[in-house]
N, C-alpha and C. Protein backbone atom coordinates (compact mmCIF):
# COMPACT_ATOMS: atom_id res chain seq x y z
N MET A 1 -19.11 -27.02 299.73
CA MET A 1 -19.22 -26.10 300.85
C MET A 1 -19.76 -26.86 302.06
N LYS A 2 -19.11 -26.66 303.20
CA LYS A 2 -19.54 -27.34 304.42
C LYS A 2 -20.77 -26.66 304.99
N SER A 3 -21.55 -27.47 305.70
CA SER A 3 -22.69 -26.91 306.41
C SER A 3 -22.19 -26.18 307.64
N ILE A 4 -23.04 -25.37 308.22
CA ILE A 4 -22.69 -24.66 309.45
C ILE A 4 -22.37 -25.66 310.55
N LEU A 5 -23.14 -26.74 310.63
CA LEU A 5 -22.90 -27.74 311.67
C LEU A 5 -21.53 -28.41 311.48
N GLU A 6 -21.15 -28.70 310.23
CA GLU A 6 -19.84 -29.30 309.98
C GLU A 6 -18.72 -28.33 310.37
N ALA A 7 -18.87 -27.08 310.00
CA ALA A 7 -17.86 -26.07 310.34
C ALA A 7 -17.77 -25.90 311.85
N LEU A 8 -18.91 -25.92 312.53
CA LEU A 8 -18.92 -25.80 313.98
C LEU A 8 -18.20 -27.00 314.61
N TYR A 9 -18.50 -28.20 314.13
CA TYR A 9 -17.89 -29.41 314.65
C TYR A 9 -16.36 -29.38 314.49
N HIS A 10 -15.90 -28.90 313.35
CA HIS A 10 -14.47 -28.89 313.05
C HIS A 10 -13.76 -27.65 313.59
N GLY A 11 -14.47 -26.83 314.38
CA GLY A 11 -13.85 -25.65 314.98
C GLY A 11 -13.47 -24.58 313.98
N GLN A 12 -14.23 -24.49 312.90
CA GLN A 12 -13.90 -23.54 311.84
C GLN A 12 -14.73 -22.26 311.90
N LEU A 13 -15.59 -22.13 312.87
CA LEU A 13 -16.38 -20.91 313.00
C LEU A 13 -15.70 -20.00 314.02
N HIS A 14 -15.37 -18.80 313.60
CA HIS A 14 -14.71 -17.82 314.46
C HIS A 14 -15.33 -16.44 314.21
N PRO A 15 -16.61 -16.26 314.58
CA PRO A 15 -17.25 -14.98 314.28
C PRO A 15 -16.58 -13.80 314.94
N ASP A 16 -15.97 -14.00 316.09
CA ASP A 16 -15.31 -12.89 316.77
C ASP A 16 -14.10 -12.38 315.99
N GLU A 17 -13.57 -13.18 315.08
CA GLU A 17 -12.42 -12.79 314.29
C GLU A 17 -12.81 -12.17 312.95
N THR A 18 -14.06 -12.32 312.55
CA THR A 18 -14.45 -11.86 311.22
C THR A 18 -15.47 -10.73 311.24
N ILE A 19 -16.03 -10.43 312.39
CA ILE A 19 -17.05 -9.40 312.47
C ILE A 19 -16.40 -8.02 312.48
N VAL A 20 -16.85 -7.17 311.58
CA VAL A 20 -16.43 -5.77 311.56
C VAL A 20 -17.70 -4.94 311.65
N PRO A 21 -17.83 -4.14 312.72
CA PRO A 21 -19.05 -3.33 312.86
C PRO A 21 -19.28 -2.45 311.63
N SER A 22 -20.52 -2.30 311.25
CA SER A 22 -20.86 -1.48 310.08
C SER A 22 -21.24 -0.06 310.47
N HIS A 23 -21.16 0.26 311.74
CA HIS A 23 -21.49 1.61 312.20
C HIS A 23 -20.57 2.60 311.49
N PRO A 24 -21.12 3.69 310.97
CA PRO A 24 -20.30 4.63 310.20
C PRO A 24 -19.15 5.26 310.99
N GLU A 25 -19.25 5.31 312.29
CA GLU A 25 -18.20 5.94 313.10
C GLU A 25 -17.13 4.96 313.58
N TYR A 26 -17.28 3.68 313.28
CA TYR A 26 -16.37 2.67 313.82
C TYR A 26 -14.91 2.91 313.42
N ARG A 27 -14.65 3.09 312.15
CA ARG A 27 -13.26 3.27 311.69
C ARG A 27 -12.66 4.57 312.22
N GLN A 28 -13.46 5.62 312.29
CA GLN A 28 -12.98 6.88 312.84
C GLN A 28 -12.59 6.72 314.31
N LEU A 29 -13.39 6.00 315.06
CA LEU A 29 -13.05 5.74 316.46
C LEU A 29 -11.74 4.97 316.58
N GLY A 30 -11.54 4.02 315.70
CA GLY A 30 -10.29 3.25 315.69
C GLY A 30 -9.09 4.16 315.45
N ARG A 31 -9.23 5.09 314.52
CA ARG A 31 -8.13 6.03 314.25
C ARG A 31 -7.87 6.93 315.46
N GLN A 32 -8.95 7.35 316.13
CA GLN A 32 -8.79 8.18 317.33
C GLN A 32 -8.08 7.40 318.44
N ILE A 33 -8.42 6.14 318.60
CA ILE A 33 -7.78 5.31 319.62
C ILE A 33 -6.28 5.19 319.34
N VAL A 34 -5.93 4.95 318.08
CA VAL A 34 -4.51 4.84 317.72
C VAL A 34 -3.79 6.15 318.01
N ALA A 35 -4.38 7.27 317.63
CA ALA A 35 -3.75 8.57 317.85
C ALA A 35 -3.56 8.86 319.34
N MET A 36 -4.59 8.58 320.13
CA MET A 36 -4.48 8.84 321.57
C MET A 36 -3.47 7.90 322.23
N THR A 37 -3.40 6.67 321.77
CA THR A 37 -2.41 5.73 322.30
C THR A 37 -1.01 6.24 322.04
N GLU A 38 -0.77 6.76 320.86
CA GLU A 38 0.55 7.32 320.55
C GLU A 38 0.85 8.53 321.42
N GLN A 39 -0.16 9.37 321.68
CA GLN A 39 0.04 10.52 322.56
C GLN A 39 0.46 10.06 323.96
N TRP A 40 -0.23 9.04 324.48
CA TRP A 40 0.12 8.53 325.81
C TRP A 40 1.50 7.88 325.80
N ARG A 41 1.84 7.21 324.72
CA ARG A 41 3.17 6.59 324.62
C ARG A 41 4.25 7.67 324.71
N ASN A 42 4.02 8.79 324.07
CA ASN A 42 5.00 9.88 324.08
C ASN A 42 5.05 10.62 325.41
N ARG A 43 3.94 10.67 326.13
CA ARG A 43 3.88 11.39 327.41
C ARG A 43 4.45 10.59 328.58
N LEU A 44 4.22 9.30 328.55
CA LEU A 44 4.59 8.46 329.69
C LEU A 44 5.95 7.81 329.48
N GLY A 45 6.54 7.42 330.58
CA GLY A 45 7.76 6.62 330.50
C GLY A 45 7.42 5.21 330.05
N GLU A 46 8.44 4.45 329.76
CA GLU A 46 8.24 3.09 329.25
C GLU A 46 7.46 2.23 330.24
N GLU A 47 7.81 2.28 331.51
CA GLU A 47 7.14 1.45 332.53
C GLU A 47 5.69 1.87 332.71
N GLU A 48 5.43 3.18 332.77
CA GLU A 48 4.05 3.66 332.95
C GLU A 48 3.18 3.29 331.75
N PHE A 49 3.77 3.39 330.55
CA PHE A 49 2.99 3.04 329.36
C PHE A 49 2.69 1.55 329.33
N ARG A 50 3.64 0.72 329.77
CA ARG A 50 3.41 -0.73 329.84
C ARG A 50 2.26 -1.02 330.81
N GLU A 51 2.21 -0.31 331.93
CA GLU A 51 1.11 -0.48 332.89
C GLU A 51 -0.22 -0.05 332.28
N LEU A 52 -0.20 1.02 331.50
CA LEU A 52 -1.42 1.47 330.82
C LEU A 52 -1.89 0.41 329.82
N GLU A 53 -0.95 -0.17 329.10
CA GLU A 53 -1.31 -1.23 328.16
C GLU A 53 -1.90 -2.44 328.88
N GLU A 54 -1.36 -2.78 330.05
CA GLU A 54 -1.92 -3.87 330.84
C GLU A 54 -3.36 -3.55 331.26
N PHE A 55 -3.59 -2.30 331.62
CA PHE A 55 -4.95 -1.86 331.97
C PHE A 55 -5.88 -2.02 330.76
N PHE A 56 -5.42 -1.58 329.58
CA PHE A 56 -6.23 -1.75 328.37
C PHE A 56 -6.52 -3.22 328.10
N ASP A 57 -5.53 -4.08 328.32
CA ASP A 57 -5.73 -5.51 328.11
C ASP A 57 -6.82 -6.06 329.04
N LEU A 58 -6.80 -5.61 330.31
CA LEU A 58 -7.83 -6.04 331.25
C LEU A 58 -9.21 -5.56 330.81
N CYS A 59 -9.28 -4.32 330.34
CA CYS A 59 -10.56 -3.78 329.84
C CYS A 59 -11.04 -4.59 328.64
N ASP A 60 -10.12 -4.95 327.73
CA ASP A 60 -10.49 -5.76 326.57
C ASP A 60 -11.00 -7.13 326.99
N MET A 61 -10.34 -7.74 327.98
CA MET A 61 -10.78 -9.05 328.45
C MET A 61 -12.18 -8.96 329.05
N SER A 62 -12.42 -7.94 329.85
CA SER A 62 -13.74 -7.75 330.45
C SER A 62 -14.79 -7.52 329.38
N GLY A 63 -14.48 -6.66 328.42
CA GLY A 63 -15.42 -6.40 327.33
C GLY A 63 -15.69 -7.64 326.51
N GLY A 64 -14.66 -8.44 326.28
CA GLY A 64 -14.83 -9.68 325.53
C GLY A 64 -15.75 -10.66 326.25
N MET A 65 -15.63 -10.71 327.57
CA MET A 65 -16.52 -11.58 328.35
C MET A 65 -17.97 -11.11 328.25
N HIS A 66 -18.15 -9.80 328.26
CA HIS A 66 -19.50 -9.26 328.12
C HIS A 66 -20.07 -9.57 326.73
N VAL A 67 -19.27 -9.40 325.71
CA VAL A 67 -19.72 -9.69 324.35
C VAL A 67 -20.07 -11.17 324.20
N GLU A 68 -19.26 -12.04 324.79
CA GLU A 68 -19.53 -13.47 324.76
C GLU A 68 -20.87 -13.78 325.43
N ALA A 69 -21.09 -13.20 326.61
CA ALA A 69 -22.34 -13.44 327.33
C ALA A 69 -23.53 -12.91 326.53
N ALA A 70 -23.37 -11.76 325.89
CA ALA A 70 -24.45 -11.18 325.08
C ALA A 70 -24.75 -12.07 323.87
N PHE A 71 -23.70 -12.61 323.25
CA PHE A 71 -23.88 -13.51 322.12
C PHE A 71 -24.66 -14.76 322.53
N ILE A 72 -24.25 -15.37 323.65
CA ILE A 72 -24.90 -16.58 324.13
C ILE A 72 -26.37 -16.29 324.46
N HIS A 73 -26.60 -15.19 325.16
CA HIS A 73 -27.97 -14.82 325.51
C HIS A 73 -28.81 -14.60 324.25
N GLY A 74 -28.27 -13.86 323.29
CA GLY A 74 -28.99 -13.61 322.05
C GLY A 74 -29.26 -14.88 321.26
N PHE A 75 -28.28 -15.78 321.23
CA PHE A 75 -28.47 -17.05 320.52
C PHE A 75 -29.58 -17.86 321.18
N ARG A 76 -29.54 -17.93 322.51
CA ARG A 76 -30.59 -18.68 323.22
C ARG A 76 -31.96 -18.05 322.99
N LEU A 77 -32.02 -16.73 323.04
CA LEU A 77 -33.28 -16.05 322.80
C LEU A 77 -33.80 -16.37 321.40
N GLY A 78 -32.92 -16.30 320.40
CA GLY A 78 -33.32 -16.64 319.03
C GLY A 78 -33.77 -18.08 318.89
N ALA A 79 -33.05 -19.01 319.53
CA ALA A 79 -33.43 -20.42 319.48
C ALA A 79 -34.79 -20.63 320.14
N ASN A 80 -35.00 -19.98 321.29
CA ASN A 80 -36.30 -20.11 321.96
C ASN A 80 -37.42 -19.51 321.11
N MET A 81 -37.13 -18.43 320.40
CA MET A 81 -38.14 -17.86 319.50
C MET A 81 -38.49 -18.85 318.40
N MET A 82 -37.47 -19.52 317.84
CA MET A 82 -37.73 -20.51 316.78
C MET A 82 -38.54 -21.68 317.32
N ILE A 83 -38.22 -22.14 318.53
CA ILE A 83 -38.99 -23.23 319.14
C ILE A 83 -40.44 -22.80 319.29
N GLU A 84 -40.64 -21.58 319.77
CA GLU A 84 -42.01 -21.09 319.96
C GLU A 84 -42.75 -21.00 318.63
N VAL A 85 -42.09 -20.50 317.62
CA VAL A 85 -42.72 -20.36 316.30
C VAL A 85 -43.05 -21.73 315.72
N MET A 86 -42.09 -22.64 315.80
CA MET A 86 -42.29 -23.96 315.19
C MET A 86 -43.30 -24.80 315.96
N SER A 87 -43.40 -24.62 317.27
CA SER A 87 -44.30 -25.44 318.06
C SER A 87 -45.65 -24.76 318.29
N LYS A 88 -45.75 -23.51 317.89
CA LYS A 88 -46.97 -22.72 318.08
C LYS A 88 -47.37 -22.68 319.55
N ARG A 89 -46.35 -22.67 320.42
CA ARG A 89 -46.58 -22.58 321.86
C ARG A 89 -46.12 -21.22 322.34
N GLU A 90 -46.70 -20.80 323.45
CA GLU A 90 -46.37 -19.47 323.95
C GLU A 90 -45.86 -19.47 325.38
N GLU A 91 -45.64 -20.63 325.97
CA GLU A 91 -45.24 -20.63 327.38
C GLU A 91 -43.73 -20.52 327.59
N PHE A 92 -42.97 -20.19 326.56
CA PHE A 92 -41.53 -20.07 326.69
C PHE A 92 -41.10 -18.70 327.20
N VAL A 93 -41.99 -17.75 327.24
CA VAL A 93 -41.64 -16.42 327.72
C VAL A 93 -41.51 -16.48 329.24
N PRO A 94 -40.31 -16.21 329.76
CA PRO A 94 -40.13 -16.30 331.21
C PRO A 94 -40.82 -15.14 331.93
N ASN A 95 -41.29 -15.43 333.10
CA ASN A 95 -41.82 -14.37 333.95
C ASN A 95 -41.31 -14.63 335.36
N ALA A 96 -41.61 -13.73 336.25
CA ALA A 96 -41.06 -13.81 337.60
C ALA A 96 -41.44 -15.09 338.33
N THR A 97 -42.60 -15.67 338.01
CA THR A 97 -43.05 -16.84 338.74
C THR A 97 -42.70 -18.16 338.06
N SER A 98 -42.32 -18.12 336.78
CA SER A 98 -42.08 -19.37 336.06
C SER A 98 -40.74 -20.00 336.42
N GLY A 99 -39.76 -19.18 336.78
CA GLY A 99 -38.44 -19.71 337.10
C GLY A 99 -37.63 -20.04 335.86
N LEU A 100 -38.18 -19.83 334.66
CA LEU A 100 -37.45 -20.08 333.44
C LEU A 100 -36.48 -18.95 333.17
N SER A 101 -35.34 -19.27 332.60
CA SER A 101 -34.40 -18.23 332.17
C SER A 101 -33.94 -18.53 330.77
N LEU A 102 -33.63 -17.48 330.07
CA LEU A 102 -33.10 -17.64 328.72
C LEU A 102 -31.61 -17.77 328.85
């Protein structure tokens, strides 16, 4: 079994492709989205529905960028917490005057 660092180096980590939310309503929401998409497909003409799909694609891209930024921020926060714990130092917490950012 490869280490996490080896998998990262070889480009084998793809958490965005394997994460499935465990929230109890997640699958139900997915079914609702599929049903509503079909309703819109039946209501709209082919061109209008294609434009709606393009809009959904833009929303997905925007959401993906937000998720990526949240992941990076959370990872940095976790790494800084580990540094603080391991070094027994407390000056890593940013404040308005320190100029530090996570």
